Amino acid sequence: MAVTVNSIESGGNILPVELVAYDMDGQEGLFVPNTAERTAMKEAAANIGGQFRGQASHSHAVPRSNWSWT
């Protein structure tokens, strides 16, 4: 989840800032488990992966693999 801060209140004053939050892994944004967006992305990735697996065949072997993409 992207987090940006545009202003901060300090001593009764509103100060303009341009801040971005980073998670503990150094990636921009914060990790929030089980959000609707994350669930949707995981489902979409699984569907895409399923489509690729469905197109795999044994006809042209890829090195160190019995599968190839057609």
N, C-alpha and C. Protein backbone atom coordinates (compact mmCIF):
# COMPACT_ATOMS: atom_id res chain seq x y z
N MET A 1 0.85 -1.15 0.00
CA MET A 1 0.00 0.00 0.00
C MET A 1 0.91 1.23 0.00
N ALA A 2 0.70 2.11 -0.97
CA ALA A 2 1.49 3.34 -1.05
C ALA A 2 1.04 4.33 0.02
N VAL A 3 2.01 4.96 0.67
CA VAL A 3 1.69 5.95 1.69
C VAL A 3 2.51 7.20 1.41
N THR A 4 1.82 8.32 1.23
CA THR A 4 2.50 9.60 1.06
C THR A 4 1.94 10.59 2.07
N VAL A 5 2.81 11.48 2.55
CA VAL A 5 2.41 12.52 3.51
C VAL A 5 2.67 13.86 2.85
N ASN A 6 1.61 14.68 2.77
CA ASN A 6 1.72 15.97 2.11
C ASN A 6 1.82 17.15 3.07
N SER A 7 1.40 16.94 4.32
CA SER A 7 1.48 18.01 5.31
C SER A 7 1.54 17.44 6.71
N ILE A 8 2.15 18.22 7.61
CA ILE A 8 2.28 17.83 9.02
C ILE A 8 1.86 19.01 9.87
N GLU A 9 1.09 18.72 10.94
CA GLU A 9 0.71 19.77 11.88
C GLU A 9 1.74 19.79 12.99
N SER A 10 2.28 20.97 13.26
CA SER A 10 3.27 21.11 14.33
C SER A 10 3.09 22.48 14.99
N GLY A 11 2.82 22.47 16.28
CA GLY A 11 2.67 23.71 17.02
C GLY A 11 1.56 24.60 16.49
N GLY A 12 0.49 24.00 16.01
CA GLY A 12 -0.62 24.78 15.48
C GLY A 12 -0.43 25.22 14.04
N ASN A 13 0.68 24.88 13.44
CA ASN A 13 0.95 25.25 12.04
C ASN A 13 0.90 24.00 11.16
N ILE A 14 0.43 24.17 9.95
CA ILE A 14 0.44 23.07 8.98
C ILE A 14 1.61 23.31 8.04
N LEU A 15 2.53 22.36 8.05
CA LEU A 15 3.74 22.47 7.26
C LEU A 15 3.66 21.57 6.03
N PRO A 16 3.94 22.10 4.84
CA PRO A 16 3.94 21.24 3.65
C PRO A 16 5.19 20.36 3.62
N VAL A 17 5.01 19.09 3.30
CA VAL A 17 6.12 18.13 3.19
C VAL A 17 5.85 17.22 2.01
N GLU A 18 6.87 16.51 1.58
CA GLU A 18 6.73 15.47 0.56
C GLU A 18 7.45 14.23 1.09
N LEU A 19 6.71 13.37 1.79
CA LEU A 19 7.28 12.17 2.40
C LEU A 19 6.64 10.92 1.81
N VAL A 20 7.44 9.87 1.67
CA VAL A 20 6.96 8.58 1.18
C VAL A 20 7.37 7.53 2.21
N ALA A 21 6.46 6.61 2.53
CA ALA A 21 6.76 5.56 3.51
C ALA A 21 7.38 4.35 2.81
N TYR A 22 8.36 3.73 3.49
CA TYR A 22 9.01 2.51 3.01
C TYR A 22 8.85 1.44 4.08
N ASP A 23 8.65 0.20 3.65
CA ASP A 23 8.49 -0.91 4.58
C ASP A 23 9.86 -1.35 5.08
N MET A 24 9.88 -2.27 6.03
CA MET A 24 11.12 -2.75 6.63
C MET A 24 12.03 -3.47 5.63
N ASP A 25 11.46 -3.94 4.51
CA ASP A 25 12.27 -4.60 3.49
C ASP A 25 12.88 -3.62 2.49
N GLY A 26 12.64 -2.32 2.70
CA GLY A 26 13.21 -1.30 1.83
C GLY A 26 12.37 -0.98 0.61
N GLN A 27 11.25 -1.67 0.45
CA GLN A 27 10.37 -1.41 -0.69
C GLN A 27 9.45 -0.24 -0.37
N GLU A 28 9.21 0.58 -1.39
CA GLU A 28 8.30 1.72 -1.21
C GLU A 28 6.90 1.20 -0.90
N GLY A 29 6.22 1.83 0.06
CA GLY A 29 4.89 1.42 0.48
C GLY A 29 4.96 0.48 1.67
N LEU A 30 3.80 0.17 2.21
CA LEU A 30 3.72 -0.70 3.38
C LEU A 30 3.01 -1.99 3.03
N PHE A 31 3.53 -3.11 3.53
CA PHE A 31 2.90 -4.41 3.33
C PHE A 31 1.72 -4.53 4.28
N VAL A 32 0.55 -4.80 3.72
CA VAL A 32 -0.66 -5.03 4.51
C VAL A 32 -1.23 -6.37 4.06
N PRO A 33 -1.10 -7.41 4.89
CA PRO A 33 -1.57 -8.73 4.46
C PRO A 33 -3.08 -8.79 4.32
N ASN A 34 -3.52 -9.61 3.37
CA ASN A 34 -4.94 -9.90 3.17
C ASN A 34 -5.79 -8.69 2.79
N THR A 35 -5.21 -7.73 2.06
CA THR A 35 -6.00 -6.62 1.55
C THR A 35 -6.70 -7.08 0.27
N ALA A 36 -7.75 -6.39 -0.12
CA ALA A 36 -8.48 -6.76 -1.33
C ALA A 36 -7.57 -6.68 -2.55
N GLU A 37 -6.71 -5.65 -2.61
CA GLU A 37 -5.81 -5.49 -3.75
C GLU A 37 -4.83 -6.66 -3.83
N ARG A 38 -4.27 -7.06 -2.69
CA ARG A 38 -3.30 -8.16 -2.67
C ARG A 38 -3.97 -9.47 -3.08
N THR A 39 -5.16 -9.70 -2.58
CA THR A 39 -5.90 -10.91 -2.92
C THR A 39 -6.20 -10.94 -4.41
N ALA A 40 -6.61 -9.81 -4.98
CA ALA A 40 -6.91 -9.74 -6.41
C ALA A 40 -5.66 -9.99 -7.24
N MET A 41 -4.52 -9.42 -6.84
CA MET A 41 -3.27 -9.63 -7.57
C MET A 41 -2.85 -11.09 -7.53
N LYS A 42 -2.99 -11.74 -6.36
CA LYS A 42 -2.62 -13.15 -6.24
C LYS A 42 -3.51 -14.01 -7.12
N GLU A 43 -4.81 -13.71 -7.16
CA GLU A 43 -5.73 -14.48 -7.99
C GLU A 43 -5.41 -14.29 -9.47
N ALA A 44 -5.11 -13.05 -9.86
CA ALA A 44 -4.77 -12.78 -11.26
C ALA A 44 -3.49 -13.50 -11.65
N ALA A 45 -2.49 -13.47 -10.78
CA ALA A 45 -1.22 -14.16 -11.06
C ALA A 45 -1.46 -15.67 -11.17
N ALA A 46 -2.30 -16.22 -10.32
CA ALA A 46 -2.59 -17.65 -10.38
C ALA A 46 -3.30 -18.00 -11.68
N ASN A 47 -4.20 -17.15 -12.13
CA ASN A 47 -4.90 -17.39 -13.39
C ASN A 47 -3.95 -17.33 -14.57
N ILE A 48 -3.04 -16.37 -14.57
CA ILE A 48 -2.06 -16.26 -15.65
C ILE A 48 -1.14 -17.47 -15.63
N GLY A 49 -0.68 -17.86 -14.46
CA GLY A 49 0.17 -19.04 -14.34
C GLY A 49 -0.53 -20.28 -14.82
N GLY A 50 -1.81 -20.41 -14.54
CA GLY A 50 -2.58 -21.56 -14.98
C GLY A 50 -2.71 -21.60 -16.49
N GLN A 51 -2.84 -20.43 -17.11
CA GLN A 51 -2.92 -20.37 -18.57
C GLN A 51 -1.61 -20.82 -19.19
N PHE A 52 -0.47 -20.38 -18.63
CA PHE A 52 0.83 -20.79 -19.16
C PHE A 52 1.06 -22.28 -18.96
N ARG A 53 0.69 -22.81 -17.80
CA ARG A 53 0.87 -24.24 -17.56
C ARG A 53 0.01 -25.05 -18.53
N GLY A 54 -1.16 -24.53 -18.86
CA GLY A 54 -2.04 -25.22 -19.79
C GLY A 54 -1.48 -25.26 -21.20
N GLN A 55 -0.57 -24.34 -21.53
CA GLN A 55 0.01 -24.28 -22.87
C GLN A 55 1.33 -25.04 -22.95
N ALA A 56 1.82 -25.56 -21.85
CA ALA A 56 3.10 -26.27 -21.85
C ALA A 56 2.96 -27.60 -22.56
N SER A 57 4.03 -28.01 -23.21
CA SER A 57 4.02 -29.31 -23.86
C SER A 57 5.38 -29.97 -23.69
N HIS A 58 5.43 -31.26 -24.00
CA HIS A 58 6.68 -32.01 -23.90
C HIS A 58 7.44 -32.04 -25.23
N SER A 59 6.94 -31.36 -26.27
CA SER A 59 7.50 -31.51 -27.60
C SER A 59 8.91 -30.94 -27.76
N HIS A 60 9.23 -29.84 -27.12
CA HIS A 60 10.55 -29.23 -27.25
C HIS A 60 11.10 -28.98 -25.84
N ALA A 61 11.99 -29.81 -25.40
CA ALA A 61 12.49 -29.72 -24.03
C ALA A 61 13.39 -28.51 -23.87
N VAL A 62 13.21 -27.81 -22.76
CA VAL A 62 14.07 -26.71 -22.36
C VAL A 62 15.17 -27.31 -21.51
N PRO A 63 16.43 -26.85 -21.63
CA PRO A 63 17.50 -27.41 -20.81
C PRO A 63 17.11 -27.46 -19.33
N ARG A 64 17.42 -28.56 -18.68
CA ARG A 64 17.12 -28.84 -17.28
C ARG A 64 15.63 -28.84 -16.98
N SER A 65 14.80 -29.11 -17.99
CA SER A 65 13.37 -29.15 -17.78
C SER A 65 12.72 -30.07 -18.80
N ASN A 66 11.60 -30.66 -18.46
CA ASN A 66 10.85 -31.47 -19.40
C ASN A 66 9.76 -30.66 -20.07
N TRP A 67 9.65 -29.37 -19.77
CA TRP A 67 8.58 -28.54 -20.28
C TRP A 67 9.12 -27.47 -21.19
N SER A 68 8.30 -27.05 -22.14
CA SER A 68 8.61 -25.90 -22.98
C SER A 68 7.33 -25.12 -23.21
N TRP A 69 7.48 -23.88 -23.58
CA TRP A 69 6.30 -23.03 -23.85
C TRP A 69 6.04 -23.02 -25.33
N THR A 70 4.77 -23.19 -25.73
CA THR A 70 4.42 -23.19 -27.14
C THR A 70 3.50 -22.05 -27.46
